[in-house]
Amino acid sequence: MKRRVDSRGRISIGVENAGKVMYVVKVGDSYFVTPDEGKAEEVKRRGLEVVLSAYMRLLEELGEPSPEEVEEAVEEELWRGASSTRRS
């Protein structure tokens, strides 16, 4: 999903999330947003390693993709990896 940051640095992620507690983890120059504290902690712990690993796997799979293709594929891989993490 593509969103524009407003003049106060805010991004709307939909009214369905209004009032919810969301965890935001900065990984490199990207942000991971989730309502699940466990997933946020896992992303924080693994940090940039997760992003780079996903990126390298995608480069092997896709060859030399366009920047848009990379962004879309990395986003999908991150969500797939985050949704398969074990809860403690």
PDB file of N, CA and C in Angstrom:
ATOM      1  N   MET A   1       0.836  -1.156   0.000  1.00  0.00           N
ATOM      2  CA  MET A   1       0.000   0.000   0.000  1.00  0.00           C
ATOM      3  C   MET A   1       0.893   1.236   0.000  1.00  0.00           C
ATOM      4  N   LYS A   2       0.531   2.197  -0.776  1.00  0.00           N
ATOM      5  CA  LYS A   2       1.309   3.431  -0.889  1.00  0.00           C
ATOM      6  C   LYS A   2       0.559   4.550  -0.196  1.00  0.00           C
ATOM      7  N   ARG A   3       1.238   5.262   0.700  1.00  0.00           N
ATOM      8  CA  ARG A   3       0.634   6.363   1.445  1.00  0.00           C
ATOM      9  C   ARG A   3       1.567   7.560   1.424  1.00  0.00           C
ATOM     10  N   ARG A   4       0.998   8.761   1.487  1.00  0.00           N
ATOM     11  CA  ARG A   4       1.780   9.997   1.539  1.00  0.00           C
ATOM     12  C   ARG A   4       1.856  10.466   2.983  1.00  0.00           C
ATOM     13  N   VAL A   5       3.032  10.917   3.385  1.00  0.00           N
ATOM     14  CA  VAL A   5       3.244  11.461   4.726  1.00  0.00           C
ATOM     15  C   VAL A   5       2.762  12.902   4.737  1.00  0.00           C
ATOM     16  N   ASP A   6       1.950  13.272   5.748  1.00  0.00           N
ATOM     17  CA  ASP A   6       1.446  14.643   5.801  1.00  0.00           C
ATOM     18  C   ASP A   6       2.504  15.585   6.376  1.00  0.00           C
ATOM     19  N   SER A   7       2.171  16.863   6.457  1.00  0.00           N
ATOM     20  CA  SER A   7       3.140  17.882   6.891  1.00  0.00           C
ATOM     21  C   SER A   7       3.587  17.713   8.341  1.00  0.00           C
ATOM     22  N   ARG A   8       2.875  16.915   9.119  1.00  0.00           N
ATOM     23  CA  ARG A   8       3.252  16.669  10.513  1.00  0.00           C
ATOM     24  C   ARG A   8       3.958  15.322  10.684  1.00  0.00           C
ATOM     25  N   GLY A   9       4.272  14.639   9.585  1.00  0.00           N
ATOM     26  CA  GLY A   9       4.994  13.373   9.648  1.00  0.00           C
ATOM     27  C   GLY A   9       4.118  12.166   9.886  1.00  0.00           C
ATOM     28  N   ARG A  10       2.826  12.285   9.655  1.00  0.00           N
ATOM     29  CA  ARG A  10       1.894  11.189   9.907  1.00  0.00           C
ATOM     30  C   ARG A  10       1.523  10.467   8.618  1.00  0.00           C
ATOM     31  N   ILE A  11       1.235   9.172   8.782  1.00  0.00           N
ATOM     32  CA  ILE A  11       0.765   8.340   7.674  1.00  0.00           C
ATOM     33  C   ILE A  11      -0.530   7.680   8.113  1.00  0.00           C
ATOM     34  N   SER A  12      -1.567   7.766   7.294  1.00  0.00           N
ATOM     35  CA  SER A  12      -2.833   7.106   7.606  1.00  0.00           C
ATOM     36  C   SER A  12      -2.773   5.666   7.108  1.00  0.00           C
ATOM     37  N   ILE A  13      -3.094   4.725   7.990  1.00  0.00           N
ATOM     38  CA  ILE A  13      -3.121   3.319   7.578  1.00  0.00           C
ATOM     39  C   ILE A  13      -4.546   2.765   7.615  1.00  0.00           C
ATOM     40  N   GLY A  14      -5.506   3.654   7.667  1.00  0.00           N
ATOM     41  CA  GLY A  14      -6.906   3.259   7.568  1.00  0.00           C
ATOM     42  C   GLY A  14      -7.675   3.453   8.856  1.00  0.00           C
ATOM     43  N   VAL A  15      -8.951   3.801   8.707  1.00  0.00           N
ATOM     44  CA  VAL A  15      -9.795   4.051   9.869  1.00  0.00           C
ATOM     45  C   VAL A  15     -10.029   2.778  10.683  1.00  0.00           C
ATOM     46  N   GLU A  16      -9.879   1.628  10.067  1.00  0.00           N
ATOM     47  CA  GLU A  16     -10.059   0.375  10.810  1.00  0.00           C
ATOM     48  C   GLU A  16      -9.003   0.209  11.904  1.00  0.00           C
ATOM     49  N   ASN A  17      -7.929   0.988  11.833  1.00  0.00           N
ATOM     50  CA  ASN A  17      -6.872   0.935  12.848  1.00  0.00           C
ATOM     51  C   ASN A  17      -6.968   2.067  13.867  1.00  0.00           C
ATOM     52  N   ALA A  18      -7.957   2.939  13.730  1.00  0.00           N
ATOM     53  CA  ALA A  18      -8.113   4.073  14.641  1.00  0.00           C
ATOM     54  C   ALA A  18      -8.281   3.574  16.070  1.00  0.00           C
ATOM     55  N   GLY A  19      -7.514   4.160  16.982  1.00  0.00           N
ATOM     56  CA  GLY A  19      -7.601   3.811  18.393  1.00  0.00           C
ATOM     57  C   GLY A  19      -6.827   2.579  18.804  1.00  0.00           C
ATOM     58  N   LYS A  20      -6.294   1.828  17.860  1.00  0.00           N
ATOM     59  CA  LYS A  20      -5.525   0.615  18.177  1.00  0.00           C
ATOM     60  C   LYS A  20      -4.099   0.986  18.558  1.00  0.00           C
ATOM     61  N   VAL A  21      -3.497   0.153  19.388  1.00  0.00           N
ATOM     62  CA  VAL A  21      -2.074   0.291  19.690  1.00  0.00           C
ATOM     63  C   VAL A  21      -1.312  -0.401  18.563  1.00  0.00           C
ATOM     64  N   MET A  22      -0.394   0.328  17.941  1.00  0.00           N
ATOM     65  CA  MET A  22       0.421  -0.235  16.866  1.00  0.00           C
ATOM     66  C   MET A  22       1.886  -0.109  17.261  1.00  0.00           C
ATOM     67  N   TYR A  23       2.670  -1.098  16.917  1.00  0.00           N
ATOM     68  CA  TYR A  23       4.100  -1.095  17.182  1.00  0.00           C
ATOM     69  C   TYR A  23       4.814  -0.760  15.880  1.00  0.00           C
ATOM     70  N   VAL A  24       5.747   0.181  15.944  1.00  0.00           N
ATOM     71  CA  VAL A  24       6.469   0.646  14.772  1.00  0.00           C
ATOM     72  C   VAL A  24       7.954   0.367  14.994  1.00  0.00           C
ATOM     73  N   VAL A  25       8.558  -0.369  14.067  1.00  0.00           N
ATOM     74  CA  VAL A  25       9.974  -0.698  14.147  1.00  0.00           C
ATOM     75  C   VAL A  25      10.656  -0.137  12.910  1.00  0.00           C
ATOM     76  N   LYS A  26      11.700   0.645  13.119  1.00  0.00           N
ATOM     77  CA  LYS A  26      12.469   1.169  11.992  1.00  0.00           C
ATOM     78  C   LYS A  26      13.583   0.180  11.677  1.00  0.00           C
ATOM     79  N   VAL A  27      13.636  -0.243  10.424  1.00  0.00           N
ATOM     80  CA  VAL A  27      14.655  -1.173   9.949  1.00  0.00           C
ATOM     81  C   VAL A  27      15.326  -0.516   8.755  1.00  0.00           C
ATOM     82  N   GLY A  28      16.551  -0.036   8.949  1.00  0.00           N
ATOM     83  CA  GLY A  28      17.219   0.715   7.894  1.00  0.00           C
ATOM     84  C   GLY A  28      16.428   1.977   7.631  1.00  0.00           C
ATOM     85  N   ASP A  29      16.003   2.163   6.382  1.00  0.00           N
ATOM     86  CA  ASP A  29      15.191   3.339   6.056  1.00  0.00           C
ATOM     87  C   ASP A  29      13.730   2.956   5.840  1.00  0.00           C
ATOM     88  N   SER A  30      13.340   1.796   6.374  1.00  0.00           N
ATOM     89  CA  SER A  30      11.966   1.316   6.252  1.00  0.00           C
ATOM     90  C   SER A  30      11.319   1.187   7.632  1.00  0.00           C
ATOM     91  N   TYR A  31       9.999   1.088   7.629  1.00  0.00           N
ATOM     92  CA  TYR A  31       9.253   0.940   8.869  1.00  0.00           C
ATOM     93  C   TYR A  31       8.371  -0.296   8.784  1.00  0.00           C
ATOM     94  N   PHE A  32       8.308  -1.025   9.882  1.00  0.00           N
ATOM     95  CA  PHE A  32       7.431  -2.185  10.015  1.00  0.00           C
ATOM     96  C   PHE A  32       6.377  -1.812  11.053  1.00  0.00           C
ATOM     97  N   VAL A  33       5.089  -1.903  10.695  1.00  0.00           N
ATOM     98  CA  VAL A  33       3.994  -1.510  11.582  1.00  0.00           C
ATOM     99  C   VAL A  33       3.095  -2.724  11.793  1.00  0.00           C
ATOM    100  N   THR A  34       2.824  -3.043  13.065  1.00  0.00           N
ATOM    101  CA  THR A  34       1.998  -4.200  13.386  1.00  0.00           C
ATOM    102  C   THR A  34       1.280  -3.991  14.715  1.00  0.00           C
ATOM    103  N   PRO A  35       0.109  -4.594  14.869  1.00  0.00           N
ATOM    104  CA  PRO A  35      -0.546  -4.549  16.172  1.00  0.00           C
ATOM    105  C   PRO A  35      -0.009  -5.634  17.114  1.00  0.00           C
ATOM    106  N   ASP A  36       0.852  -6.506  16.614  1.00  0.00           N
ATOM    107  CA  ASP A  36       1.373  -7.643  17.374  1.00  0.00           C
ATOM    108  C   ASP A  36       2.743  -7.317  17.969  1.00  0.00           C
ATOM    109  N   GLU A  37       2.811  -7.192  19.288  1.00  0.00           N
ATOM    110  CA  GLU A  37       4.061  -6.843  19.950  1.00  0.00           C
ATOM    111  C   GLU A  37       5.145  -7.892  19.705  1.00  0.00           C
ATOM    112  N   GLY A  38       4.772  -9.163  19.668  1.00  0.00           N
ATOM    113  CA  GLY A  38       5.735 -10.236  19.424  1.00  0.00           C
ATOM    114  C   GLY A  38       6.398 -10.117  18.064  1.00  0.00           C
ATOM    115  N   LYS A  39       5.608  -9.835  17.050  1.00  0.00           N
ATOM    116  CA  LYS A  39       6.166  -9.664  15.703  1.00  0.00           C
ATOM    117  C   LYS A  39       7.095  -8.463  15.658  1.00  0.00           C
ATOM    118  N   ALA A  40       6.686  -7.379  16.333  1.00  0.00           N
ATOM    119  CA  ALA A  40       7.519  -6.172  16.359  1.00  0.00           C
ATOM    120  C   ALA A  40       8.855  -6.466  17.029  1.00  0.00           C
ATOM    121  N   GLU A  41       8.831  -7.200  18.135  1.00  0.00           N
ATOM    122  CA  GLU A  41      10.075  -7.550  18.834  1.00  0.00           C
ATOM    123  C   GLU A  41      10.970  -8.427  17.970  1.00  0.00           C
ATOM    124  N   GLU A  42      10.373  -9.376  17.248  1.00  0.00           N
ATOM    125  CA  GLU A  42      11.153 -10.257  16.368  1.00  0.00           C
ATOM    126  C   GLU A  42      11.825  -9.450  15.255  1.00  0.00           C
ATOM    127  N   VAL A  43      11.069  -8.550  14.634  1.00  0.00           N
ATOM    128  CA  VAL A  43      11.636  -7.711  13.575  1.00  0.00           C
ATOM    129  C   VAL A  43      12.748  -6.840  14.149  1.00  0.00           C
ATOM    130  N   LYS A  44      12.524  -6.277  15.316  1.00  0.00           N
ATOM    131  CA  LYS A  44      13.538  -5.432  15.959  1.00  0.00           C
ATOM    132  C   LYS A  44      14.796  -6.236  16.251  1.00  0.00           C
ATOM    133  N   ARG A  45      14.622  -7.447  16.775  1.00  0.00           N
ATOM    134  CA  ARG A  45      15.756  -8.306  17.107  1.00  0.00           C
ATOM    135  C   ARG A  45      16.563  -8.689  15.860  1.00  0.00           C
ATOM    136  N   ARG A  46      15.847  -9.050  14.841  1.00  0.00           N
ATOM    137  CA  ARG A  46      16.528  -9.526  13.636  1.00  0.00           C
ATOM    138  C   ARG A  46      16.930  -8.395  12.716  1.00  0.00           C
ATOM    139  N   GLY A  47      16.205  -7.265  12.838  1.00  0.00           N
ATOM    140  CA  GLY A  47      16.555  -6.029  12.160  1.00  0.00           C
ATOM    141  C   GLY A  47      16.911  -6.147  10.695  1.00  0.00           C
ATOM    142  N   LEU A  48      17.978  -5.500  10.370  1.00  0.00           N
ATOM    143  CA  LEU A  48      18.413  -5.391   8.988  1.00  0.00           C
ATOM    144  C   LEU A  48      18.728  -6.743   8.359  1.00  0.00           C
ATOM    145  N   GLU A  49      19.125  -7.710   9.176  1.00  0.00           N
ATOM    146  CA  GLU A  49      19.424  -9.062   8.672  1.00  0.00           C
ATOM    147  C   GLU A  49      18.238  -9.634   7.900  1.00  0.00           C
ATOM    148  N   VAL A  50      17.038  -9.429   8.404  1.00  0.00           N
ATOM    149  CA  VAL A  50      15.829  -9.935   7.759  1.00  0.00           C
ATOM    150  C   VAL A  50      15.635  -9.283   6.399  1.00  0.00           C
ATOM    151  N   VAL A  51      15.775  -7.968   6.369  1.00  0.00           N
ATOM    152  CA  VAL A  51      15.575  -7.238   5.126  1.00  0.00           C
ATOM    153  C   VAL A  51      16.608  -7.644   4.081  1.00  0.00           C
ATOM    154  N   LEU A  52      17.865  -7.701   4.483  1.00  0.00           N
ATOM    155  CA  LEU A  52      18.923  -8.063   3.533  1.00  0.00           C
ATOM    156  C   LEU A  52      18.777  -9.500   3.041  1.00  0.00           C
ATOM    157  N   SER A  53      18.429 -10.394   3.939  1.00  0.00           N
ATOM    158  CA  SER A  53      18.243 -11.787   3.556  1.00  0.00           C
ATOM    159  C   SER A  53      17.099 -11.922   2.547  1.00  0.00           C
ATOM    160  N   ALA A  54      15.993 -11.263   2.829  1.00  0.00           N
ATOM    161  CA  ALA A  54      14.855 -11.300   1.902  1.00  0.00           C
ATOM    162  C   ALA A  54      15.243 -10.701   0.558  1.00  0.00           C
ATOM    163  N   TYR A  55      15.961  -9.600   0.594  1.00  0.00           N
ATOM    164  CA  TYR A  55      16.393  -8.934  -0.631  1.00  0.00           C
ATOM    165  C   TYR A  55      17.306  -9.851  -1.462  1.00  0.00           C
ATOM    166  N   MET A  56      18.257 -10.505  -0.813  1.00  0.00           N
ATOM    167  CA  MET A  56      19.180 -11.380  -1.538  1.00  0.00           C
ATOM    168  C   MET A  56      18.451 -12.575  -2.147  1.00  0.00           C
ATOM    169  N   ARG A  57      17.509 -13.171  -1.411  1.00  0.00           N
ATOM    170  CA  ARG A  57      16.725 -14.289  -1.962  1.00  0.00           C
ATOM    171  C   ARG A  57      15.934 -13.836  -3.181  1.00  0.00           C
ATOM    172  N   LEU A  58      15.376 -12.631  -3.093  1.00  0.00           N
ATOM    173  CA  LEU A  58      14.600 -12.124  -4.210  1.00  0.00           C
ATOM    174  C   LEU A  58      15.465 -11.830  -5.427  1.00  0.00           C
ATOM    175  N   LEU A  59      16.654 -11.304  -5.201  1.00  0.00           N
ATOM    176  CA  LEU A  59      17.554 -11.067  -6.330  1.00  0.00           C
ATOM    177  C   LEU A  59      17.891 -12.372  -7.041  1.00  0.00           C
ATOM    178  N   GLU A  60      18.131 -13.428  -6.256  1.00  0.00           N
ATOM    179  CA  GLU A  60      18.416 -14.735  -6.863  1.00  0.00           C
ATOM    180  C   GLU A  60      17.212 -15.249  -7.644  1.00  0.00           C
ATOM    181  N   GLU A  61      16.024 -15.047  -7.099  1.00  0.00           N
ATOM    182  CA  GLU A  61      14.798 -15.539  -7.722  1.00  0.00           C
ATOM    183  C   GLU A  61      14.394 -14.725  -8.949  1.00  0.00           C
ATOM    184  N   LEU A  62      14.503 -13.394  -8.855  1.00  0.00           N
ATOM    185  CA  LEU A  62      13.981 -12.521  -9.901  1.00  0.00           C
ATOM    186  C   LEU A  62      15.009 -12.043 -10.922  1.00  0.00           C
ATOM    187  N   GLY A  63      16.277 -12.225 -10.638  1.00  0.00           N
ATOM    188  CA  GLY A  63      17.289 -11.640 -11.502  1.00  0.00           C
ATOM    189  C   GLY A  63      17.448 -10.172 -11.158  1.00  0.00           C
ATOM    190  N   GLU A  64      17.591  -9.321 -12.141  1.00  0.00           N
ATOM    191  CA  GLU A  64      17.789  -7.884 -11.911  1.00  0.00           C
ATOM    192  C   GLU A  64      16.449  -7.152 -12.076  1.00  0.00           C
ATOM    193  N   PRO A  65      15.682  -7.031 -11.006  1.00  0.00           N
ATOM    194  CA  PRO A  65      14.360  -6.406 -11.097  1.00  0.00           C
ATOM    195  C   PRO A  65      14.421  -4.879 -11.089  1.00  0.00           C
ATOM    196  N   SER A  66      13.296  -4.283 -11.450  1.00  0.00           N
ATOM    197  CA  SER A  66      13.167  -2.825 -11.351  1.00  0.00           C
ATOM    198  C   SER A  66      13.014  -2.457  -9.874  1.00  0.00           C
ATOM    199  N   PRO A  67      13.280  -1.206  -9.503  1.00  0.00           N
ATOM    200  CA  PRO A  67      13.096  -0.796  -8.099  1.00  0.00           C
ATOM    201  C   PRO A  67      11.679  -1.050  -7.579  1.00  0.00           C
ATOM    202  N   GLU A  68      10.674  -0.859  -8.415  1.00  0.00           N
ATOM    203  CA  GLU A  68       9.291  -1.098  -8.002  1.00  0.00           C
ATOM    204  C   GLU A  68       9.047  -2.576  -7.709  1.00  0.00           C
ATOM    205  N   GLU A  69       9.602  -3.441  -8.558  1.00  0.00           N
ATOM    206  CA  GLU A  69       9.451  -4.881  -8.341  1.00  0.00           C
ATOM    207  C   GLU A  69      10.128  -5.314  -7.048  1.00  0.00           C
ATOM    208  N   VAL A  70      11.294  -4.741  -6.755  1.00  0.00           N
ATOM    209  CA  VAL A  70      12.007  -5.069  -5.520  1.00  0.00           C
ATOM    210  C   VAL A  70      11.184  -4.644  -4.312  1.00  0.00           C
ATOM    211  N   GLU A  71      10.684  -3.424  -4.332  1.00  0.00           N
ATOM    212  CA  GLU A  71       9.901  -2.913  -3.200  1.00  0.00           C
ATOM    213  C   GLU A  71       8.693  -3.805  -2.930  1.00  0.00           C
ATOM    214  N   GLU A  72       7.971  -4.171  -3.964  1.00  0.00           N
ATOM    215  CA  GLU A  72       6.775  -5.001  -3.797  1.00  0.00           C
ATOM    216  C   GLU A  72       7.134  -6.390  -3.278  1.00  0.00           C
ATOM    217  N   ALA A  73       8.160  -6.994  -3.831  1.00  0.00           N
ATOM    218  CA  ALA A  73       8.540  -8.345  -3.432  1.00  0.00           C
ATOM    219  C   ALA A  73       9.094  -8.386  -2.010  1.00  0.00           C
ATOM    220  N   VAL A  74       9.900  -7.404  -1.628  1.00  0.00           N
ATOM    221  CA  VAL A  74      10.441  -7.363  -0.267  1.00  0.00           C
ATOM    222  C   VAL A  74       9.308  -7.187   0.728  1.00  0.00           C
ATOM    223  N   GLU A  75       8.363  -6.323   0.427  1.00  0.00           N
ATOM    224  CA  GLU A  75       7.217  -6.119   1.323  1.00  0.00           C
ATOM    225  C   GLU A  75       6.455  -7.427   1.530  1.00  0.00           C
ATOM    226  N   GLU A  76       6.217  -8.170   0.457  1.00  0.00           N
ATOM    227  CA  GLU A  76       5.509  -9.448   0.557  1.00  0.00           C
ATOM    228  C   GLU A  76       6.314 -10.451   1.389  1.00  0.00           C
ATOM    229  N   GLU A  77       7.608 -10.513   1.164  1.00  0.00           N
ATOM    230  CA  GLU A  77       8.461 -11.448   1.904  1.00  0.00           C
ATOM    231  C   GLU A  77       8.508 -11.104   3.384  1.00  0.00           C
ATOM    232  N   LEU A  78       8.584  -9.834   3.711  1.00  0.00           N
ATOM    233  CA  LEU A  78       8.604  -9.421   5.119  1.00  0.00           C
ATOM    234  C   LEU A  78       7.313  -9.820   5.814  1.00  0.00           C
ATOM    235  N   TRP A  79       6.175  -9.602   5.166  1.00  0.00           N
ATOM    236  CA  TRP A  79       4.901  -9.982   5.777  1.00  0.00           C
ATOM    237  C   TRP A  79       4.817 -11.484   5.923  1.00  0.00           C
ATOM    238  N   ARG A  80       5.284 -12.222   4.919  1.00  0.00           N
ATOM    239  CA  ARG A  80       5.255 -13.682   4.982  1.00  0.00           C
ATOM    240  C   ARG A  80       6.130 -14.169   6.138  1.00  0.00           C
ATOM    241  N   GLY A  81       7.329 -13.600   6.256  1.00  0.00           N
ATOM    242  CA  GLY A  81       8.245 -13.998   7.329  1.00  0.00           C
ATOM    243  C   GLY A  81       7.733 -13.606   8.699  1.00  0.00           C
ATOM    244  N   ALA A  82       7.136 -12.435   8.797  1.00  0.00           N
ATOM    245  CA  ALA A  82       6.624 -11.974  10.089  1.00  0.00           C
ATOM    246  C   ALA A  82       5.426 -12.800  10.528  1.00  0.00           C
ATOM    247  N   SER A  83       4.603 -13.225   9.595  1.00  0.00           N
ATOM    248  CA  SER A  83       3.416 -13.983   9.970  1.00  0.00           C
ATOM    249  C   SER A  83       3.745 -15.413  10.338  1.00  0.00           C
ATOM    250  N   SER A  84       4.952 -15.884  10.003  1.00  0.00           N
ATOM    251  CA  SER A  84       5.310 -17.266  10.323  1.00  0.00           C
ATOM    252  C   SER A  84       6.204 -17.377  11.555  1.00  0.00           C
ATOM    253  N   THR A  85       6.473 -16.242  12.234  1.00  0.00           N
ATOM    254  CA  THR A  85       7.310 -16.305  13.434  1.00  0.00           C
ATOM    255  C   THR A  85       6.526 -16.918  14.574  1.00  0.00           C
ATOM    256  N   ARG A  86       7.236 -17.688  15.415  1.00  0.00           N
ATOM    257  CA  ARG A  86       6.605 -18.325  16.572  1.00  0.00           C
ATOM    258  C   ARG A  86       6.351 -17.303  17.656  1.00  0.00           C
ATOM    259  N   ARG A  87       5.248 -17.443  18.322  1.00  0.00           N
ATOM    260  CA  ARG A  87       4.971 -16.603  19.486  1.00  0.00           C
ATOM    261  C   ARG A  87       5.549 -17.279  20.705  1.00  0.00           C
ATOM    262  N   SER A  88       6.111 -16.455  21.628  1.00  0.00           N
ATOM    263  CA  SER A  88       6.680 -17.044  22.833  1.00  0.00           C
ATOM    264  C   SER A  88       5.726 -16.954  24.000  1.00  0.00           C
TER     265      SER A  88
END
